[in-house]
Amino acid sequence: MVVEAVFTTHPATRSGRVWLRMFLTGLVLWMAAVVIIFVTGNANLIPTVVLLGSFLVPVTFVAWAFERRETGEITDGLIFSTFVSGGVLGVLGASVLEAFLLHPSPWLFFGVGLIEEAVKLGALMMLTRRLRTRTLRDGMILGAAVGFGFAAFESAGYAFTALFSVDGLSLAQLVQTEVLRGLLAPVGHGLWTAILGGILFAASRPQHFRTTAKVVLTYLGVSILHGLWDSMHSIALYLTLVLTEGEQFVATPHGWLVEPSTEQVNIFTAVEWGGLAVVSMIGIAWLLVLWHRTPRPVRIGWGIVRSPVIPAVGP
């Protein structure tokens, strides 16, 4: 049995590498803005640095994913809508729920994971409810768009906050925050929501989402990865104290050790970054398994896509 779907391909998309040109152009512009603001001290360029740095990597990954869509229903307009609207709805929803539902506790960050993955999933469902065709890969692409939109707006907030320090404006902290969050963006919100979006679409029917056991388990799984990622600083701190002798943990506004030894600093750094690497590899492996679970559709010319479908069993 064969399903046919119209596939719209623009000349720019056929050539591929649009995402690469987009990334390189944006990177050059961001670096130029950073250099000029340090040389001239022109504070009017701060929004340019914040927006370019926060959106560069998320937009690039969404553009890369868009080139790998399966059906003509995944248009550039839909991608833009899920990225912007989904990102804003996710950030706003998470902010409200976290403010009212979460309180300081050892499980705080797992609560953050449950809330943020739920609001991103809700935004994805609302924005794609009218799609007639839902495939696992398209769900991963649209889920990634919502997740990266969330990450972009969140990074802009962190960068803006990092700008202000006790000594006044700190451009160095702003740039450092944007570089770090840009490097980590591919293995964060976009990755987790891509996994969840793929499973949701695979379990759904035309114009009808289904909350199956697999969807619920996937939601809990990505929320745990999210919680582990956010908790890794505290986990590394606890393990460092367990593995070493010396200064004991004293609660501070930053949750840091008082005069840690060189050994403790080295162990803490290795545990924190090693833990983040493990969480990232689990997420990436999960994503790759899902991506290769379904055969890639065969494109005939520039117009038609033929995707194999498992025939229904029964009379």
Protein backbone atom coordinates (compact mmCIF):
# COMPACT_ATOMS: atom_id res chain seq x y z
CA MET A 1 0.00 0.00 0.00
CA VAL A 2 1.37 3.41 -0.93
CA VAL A 3 0.45 6.87 0.33
CA GLU A 4 1.16 9.85 -1.90
CA ALA A 5 1.67 13.39 -0.62
CA VAL A 6 2.52 16.62 -2.35
CA PHE A 7 6.04 17.75 -1.55
CA THR A 8 6.91 21.38 -2.16
CA THR A 9 10.59 21.98 -2.79
CA HIS A 10 12.05 25.42 -3.27
CA PRO A 11 15.28 25.92 -5.23
CA ALA A 12 17.10 27.07 -2.11
CA THR A 13 16.00 23.94 -0.26
CA ARG A 14 17.09 21.60 -3.06
CA SER A 15 20.66 22.79 -2.87
CA GLY A 16 20.84 22.04 0.84
CA ARG A 17 23.37 23.84 2.98
CA VAL A 18 20.94 26.72 3.53
CA TRP A 19 21.33 26.11 7.24
CA LEU A 20 25.13 26.28 6.96
CA ARG A 21 25.10 29.59 5.09
CA MET A 22 22.60 30.90 7.62
CA PHE A 23 24.81 29.87 10.54
CA LEU A 24 28.03 31.28 9.09
CA THR A 25 26.40 34.58 8.16
CA GLY A 26 24.80 34.92 11.57
CA LEU A 27 28.03 34.00 13.35
CA VAL A 28 30.01 36.64 11.46
CA LEU A 29 27.37 39.28 12.22
CA TRP A 30 27.29 38.34 15.91
CA MET A 31 31.08 38.44 16.22
CA ALA A 32 31.15 41.81 14.44
CA ALA A 33 28.52 43.18 16.83
CA VAL A 34 30.50 41.91 19.85
CA VAL A 35 33.76 43.48 18.62
CA ILE A 36 32.12 46.80 17.81
CA ILE A 37 30.33 47.03 21.15
CA PHE A 38 33.59 46.37 23.03
CA VAL A 39 35.47 48.92 20.91
CA THR A 40 32.88 51.68 20.91
CA GLY A 41 30.98 50.97 24.12
CA ASN A 42 27.73 51.60 22.26
CA ALA A 43 25.03 50.14 24.54
CA ASN A 44 22.47 50.37 21.71
CA LEU A 45 24.06 47.25 20.22
CA ILE A 46 23.30 45.11 23.28
CA PRO A 47 19.89 43.92 21.95
CA THR A 48 21.59 42.98 18.66
CA VAL A 49 24.17 40.86 20.47
CA VAL A 50 21.54 39.23 22.71
CA LEU A 51 19.11 38.38 19.90
CA LEU A 52 21.69 37.19 17.39
CA GLY A 53 23.52 35.09 19.96
CA SER A 54 20.37 33.57 21.44
CA PHE A 55 18.64 32.70 18.16
CA LEU A 56 21.58 31.75 15.93
CA VAL A 57 22.00 28.09 16.89
CA PRO A 58 18.28 27.32 17.44
CA VAL A 59 17.28 28.86 14.09
CA THR A 60 20.11 27.03 12.32
CA PHE A 61 19.03 23.65 13.67
CA VAL A 62 15.40 24.29 12.76
CA ALA A 63 16.48 25.21 9.20
CA TRP A 64 18.54 22.01 9.03
CA ALA A 65 15.59 19.94 10.22
CA PHE A 66 13.18 21.67 7.81
CA GLU A 67 15.19 20.38 4.85
CA ARG A 68 14.42 16.84 6.05
CA ARG A 69 10.63 17.12 6.34
CA GLU A 70 8.49 14.37 4.85
CA THR A 71 5.22 16.00 3.75
CA GLY A 72 4.20 19.19 2.02
CA GLU A 73 2.14 20.17 5.05
CA ILE A 74 5.37 21.04 6.88
CA THR A 75 5.75 24.49 5.34
CA ASP A 76 8.11 27.30 6.20
CA GLY A 77 5.13 29.18 7.66
CA LEU A 78 4.25 26.29 9.99
CA ILE A 79 7.88 25.95 11.09
CA PHE A 80 8.06 29.70 11.81
CA SER A 81 4.79 29.54 13.75
CA THR A 82 5.83 26.58 15.88
CA PHE A 83 9.25 28.12 16.55
CA VAL A 84 8.02 31.56 17.60
CA SER A 85 4.54 30.89 18.97
CA GLY A 86 5.48 27.55 20.50
CA GLY A 87 8.59 29.03 22.08
CA VAL A 88 6.76 32.01 23.57
CA LEU A 89 3.80 29.92 24.79
CA GLY A 90 6.19 27.45 26.36
CA VAL A 91 8.22 30.11 28.17
CA LEU A 92 5.11 31.92 29.43
CA GLY A 93 3.35 28.74 30.51
CA ALA A 94 6.42 27.38 32.28
CA SER A 95 7.00 30.68 34.10
CA VAL A 96 3.46 30.77 35.49
CA LEU A 97 3.31 27.11 36.51
CA GLU A 98 6.79 27.05 38.05
CA ALA A 99 6.02 30.16 40.09
CA PHE A 100 2.88 28.63 41.63
CA LEU A 101 3.71 24.91 41.77
CA LEU A 102 7.41 24.63 42.61
CA HIS A 103 9.12 25.20 45.92
CA PRO A 104 12.78 24.69 46.98
CA SER A 105 13.49 20.97 47.39
CA PRO A 106 15.96 18.32 46.17
CA TRP A 107 13.44 17.46 43.44
CA LEU A 108 12.96 21.02 42.23
CA PHE A 109 14.62 20.56 38.84
CA PHE A 110 12.67 17.40 38.09
CA GLY A 111 9.53 19.43 38.66
CA VAL A 112 10.93 21.98 36.20
CA GLY A 113 11.45 19.19 33.67
CA LEU A 114 7.91 17.89 34.05
CA ILE A 115 6.40 21.36 33.68
CA GLU A 116 8.51 22.60 30.78
CA GLU A 117 8.14 19.41 28.74
CA ALA A 118 4.38 19.49 29.34
CA VAL A 119 3.95 23.09 28.21
CA LYS A 120 6.08 22.52 25.11
CA LEU A 121 4.05 19.43 24.25
CA GLY A 122 0.82 21.37 24.76
CA ALA A 123 2.05 24.16 22.48
CA LEU A 124 3.03 21.61 19.81
CA MET A 125 -0.39 19.95 19.94
CA MET A 126 -2.24 23.26 19.73
CA LEU A 127 -0.22 24.56 16.77
CA THR A 128 -0.34 21.33 14.73
CA ARG A 129 -3.88 20.18 15.52
CA ARG A 130 -5.11 20.78 11.95
CA LEU A 131 -2.47 18.68 10.18
CA ARG A 132 -3.98 15.87 8.12
CA THR A 133 -0.80 13.78 7.88
CA ARG A 134 1.37 13.06 10.89
CA THR A 135 4.57 11.06 10.61
CA LEU A 136 7.15 10.28 13.25
CA ARG A 137 9.85 12.32 11.49
CA ASP A 138 7.61 15.33 10.93
CA GLY A 139 6.67 15.18 14.61
CA MET A 140 10.34 15.26 15.51
CA ILE A 141 10.94 18.26 13.25
CA LEU A 142 8.01 20.25 14.59
CA GLY A 143 8.83 19.22 18.15
CA ALA A 144 12.37 20.45 17.62
CA ALA A 145 11.00 23.76 16.31
CA VAL A 146 8.99 24.29 19.49
CA GLY A 147 11.90 23.19 21.68
CA PHE A 148 14.45 25.39 19.96
CA GLY A 149 12.05 28.32 20.07
CA PHE A 150 11.74 27.80 23.82
CA ALA A 151 15.55 27.58 24.11
CA ALA A 152 16.08 30.77 22.08
CA PHE A 153 13.75 32.91 24.18
CA GLU A 154 15.09 31.38 27.39
CA SER A 155 18.69 32.04 26.33
CA ALA A 156 17.84 35.66 25.54
CA GLY A 157 16.53 36.01 29.09
CA TYR A 158 19.64 34.43 30.62
CA ALA A 159 21.92 36.59 28.48
CA PHE A 160 20.07 39.75 29.45
CA THR A 161 20.26 38.78 33.14
CA ALA A 162 23.99 37.99 32.85
CA LEU A 163 24.56 41.51 31.56
CA PHE A 164 23.85 42.94 35.01
CA SER A 165 26.31 42.30 37.83
CA VAL A 166 27.04 43.88 41.20
CA ASP A 167 29.68 46.02 39.51
CA GLY A 168 27.38 47.28 36.75
CA LEU A 169 27.02 46.13 33.15
CA SER A 170 29.19 43.12 32.29
CA LEU A 171 29.48 42.54 28.54
CA ALA A 172 31.98 39.74 29.17
CA GLN A 173 29.41 37.76 31.17
CA LEU A 174 26.80 38.34 28.47
CA VAL A 175 29.09 37.00 25.74
CA GLN A 176 30.22 34.07 27.89
CA THR A 177 26.60 33.11 28.62
CA GLU A 178 25.62 33.27 24.94
CA VAL A 179 28.59 31.17 23.81
CA LEU A 180 27.97 28.51 26.46
CA ARG A 181 24.23 28.27 25.85
CA GLY A 182 24.78 28.28 22.09
CA LEU A 183 27.15 25.31 22.36
CA LEU A 184 24.74 23.39 24.59
CA ALA A 185 21.53 24.29 22.70
CA PRO A 186 21.57 21.24 20.35
CA VAL A 187 21.40 18.80 23.28
CA GLY A 188 18.75 20.60 25.32
CA HIS A 189 15.16 21.67 24.74
CA GLY A 190 15.15 21.00 20.99
CA LEU A 191 16.39 17.44 21.45
CA TRP A 192 13.92 16.52 24.19
CA THR A 193 10.86 17.98 22.46
CA ALA A 194 11.88 16.40 19.14
CA ILE A 195 11.79 12.96 20.77
CA LEU A 196 8.44 13.63 22.42
CA GLY A 197 6.96 15.16 19.26
CA GLY A 198 7.96 12.16 17.17
CA ILE A 199 6.33 9.67 19.53
CA LEU A 200 3.20 11.84 19.78
CA PHE A 201 2.80 12.04 16.00
CA ALA A 202 3.51 8.32 15.53
CA ALA A 203 0.71 7.48 17.97
CA SER A 204 -1.79 9.99 16.53
CA ARG A 205 -4.49 9.86 13.92
CA PRO A 206 -5.50 12.56 11.40
CA GLN A 207 -6.74 15.62 13.32
CA HIS A 208 -6.70 13.62 16.54
CA PHE A 209 -3.92 13.26 19.10
CA ARG A 210 -3.81 10.14 21.25
CA THR A 211 -2.25 9.96 24.70
CA THR A 212 -0.98 6.39 24.65
CA ALA A 213 1.17 4.64 27.24
CA LYS A 214 4.19 5.15 24.98
CA VAL A 215 3.55 8.90 24.81
CA VAL A 216 3.27 9.10 28.61
CA LEU A 217 6.44 7.05 29.13
CA THR A 218 8.32 9.18 26.61
CA TYR A 219 7.13 12.33 28.37
CA LEU A 220 8.39 10.99 31.69
CA GLY A 221 11.67 9.89 30.08
CA VAL A 222 12.51 13.25 28.51
CA SER A 223 11.41 15.02 31.71
CA ILE A 224 13.88 12.90 33.69
CA LEU A 225 16.67 13.75 31.23
CA HIS A 226 15.68 17.40 31.55
CA GLY A 227 15.71 17.17 35.36
CA LEU A 228 19.08 15.42 35.42
CA TRP A 229 20.54 18.08 33.12
CA ASP A 230 19.34 20.93 35.33
CA SER A 231 20.37 19.10 38.53
CA MET A 232 23.86 18.18 37.38
CA HIS A 233 25.51 21.10 39.20
CA SER A 234 24.01 19.99 42.53
CA ILE A 235 24.69 16.31 41.83
CA ALA A 236 28.34 17.06 41.04
CA LEU A 237 28.64 19.14 44.20
CA TYR A 238 27.23 16.34 46.37
CA LEU A 239 29.44 13.66 44.78
CA THR A 240 32.51 15.86 45.18
CA LEU A 241 31.87 16.14 48.91
CA VAL A 242 31.31 12.39 49.18
CA LEU A 243 34.52 11.56 47.30
CA THR A 244 36.82 14.04 49.00
CA GLU A 245 37.79 15.32 52.41
CA GLY A 246 38.12 18.96 53.25
CA GLU A 247 35.70 21.83 53.30
CA GLN A 248 32.06 20.95 53.97
CA PHE A 249 29.20 22.32 51.95
CA VAL A 250 27.80 25.61 53.17
CA ALA A 251 24.60 26.86 51.55
CA THR A 252 25.16 30.11 49.69
CA PRO A 253 23.06 32.02 47.13
CA HIS A 254 25.13 30.30 44.44
CA GLY A 255 25.22 26.85 46.03
CA TRP A 256 29.03 26.68 45.95
CA LEU A 257 31.74 25.33 48.26
CA VAL A 258 33.65 27.61 50.60
CA GLU A 259 37.31 27.69 49.57
CA PRO A 260 37.35 24.31 47.79
CA SER A 261 40.66 22.54 47.31
CA THR A 262 42.21 22.09 43.87
CA GLU A 263 41.27 18.41 43.99
CA GLN A 264 37.65 19.27 44.73
CA VAL A 265 37.48 21.77 41.87
CA ASN A 266 38.90 19.22 39.44
CA ILE A 267 36.54 16.46 40.58
CA PHE A 268 33.54 18.78 40.54
CA THR A 269 34.30 19.95 36.99
CA ALA A 270 34.83 16.40 35.72
CA VAL A 271 31.64 15.08 37.33
CA GLU A 272 29.47 17.98 36.16
CA TRP A 273 30.60 17.97 32.54
CA GLY A 274 30.83 14.19 32.44
CA GLY A 275 27.25 13.95 33.69
CA LEU A 276 26.02 16.44 31.10
CA ALA A 277 27.82 14.44 28.41
CA VAL A 278 26.12 11.20 29.51
CA VAL A 279 22.66 12.83 29.53
CA SER A 280 23.35 14.29 26.07
CA MET A 281 24.47 10.95 24.63
CA ILE A 282 21.37 9.21 25.96
CA GLY A 283 19.16 11.84 24.33
CA ILE A 284 21.03 11.76 21.02
CA ALA A 285 20.99 7.95 20.90
CA TRP A 286 17.24 7.95 21.60
CA LEU A 287 16.67 10.49 18.84
CA LEU A 288 18.73 8.53 16.29
CA VAL A 289 16.92 5.28 17.05
CA LEU A 290 13.58 6.98 16.46
CA TRP A 291 14.76 8.75 13.31
CA HIS A 292 15.90 5.51 11.70
CA ARG A 293 12.86 3.54 12.83
CA THR A 294 10.85 4.53 9.77
CA PRO A 295 12.10 4.32 6.16
CA ARG A 296 12.86 7.59 4.44
CA PRO A 297 10.19 8.47 1.83
CA VAL A 298 11.11 8.13 -1.83
CA ARG A 299 10.84 11.37 -3.81
CA ILE A 300 9.73 11.03 -7.41
CA GLY A 301 10.89 14.07 -9.39
CA TRP A 302 10.23 17.29 -7.52
CA GLY A 303 6.55 16.81 -6.84
CA ILE A 304 5.47 13.50 -5.29
CA VAL A 305 6.55 11.63 -2.18
CA ARG A 306 5.79 7.94 -1.82
CA SER A 307 5.96 6.61 1.72
CA PRO A 308 5.52 2.92 2.48
CA VAL A 309 2.71 2.25 4.95
CA ILE A 310 2.10 -0.98 6.82
CA PRO A 311 -1.19 -2.38 5.51
CA ALA A 312 -4.05 -2.84 7.92
CA VAL A 313 -4.68 -6.37 9.14
CA GLY A 314 -8.23 -7.68 8.81
CA PRO A 315 -11.00 -8.06 6.25
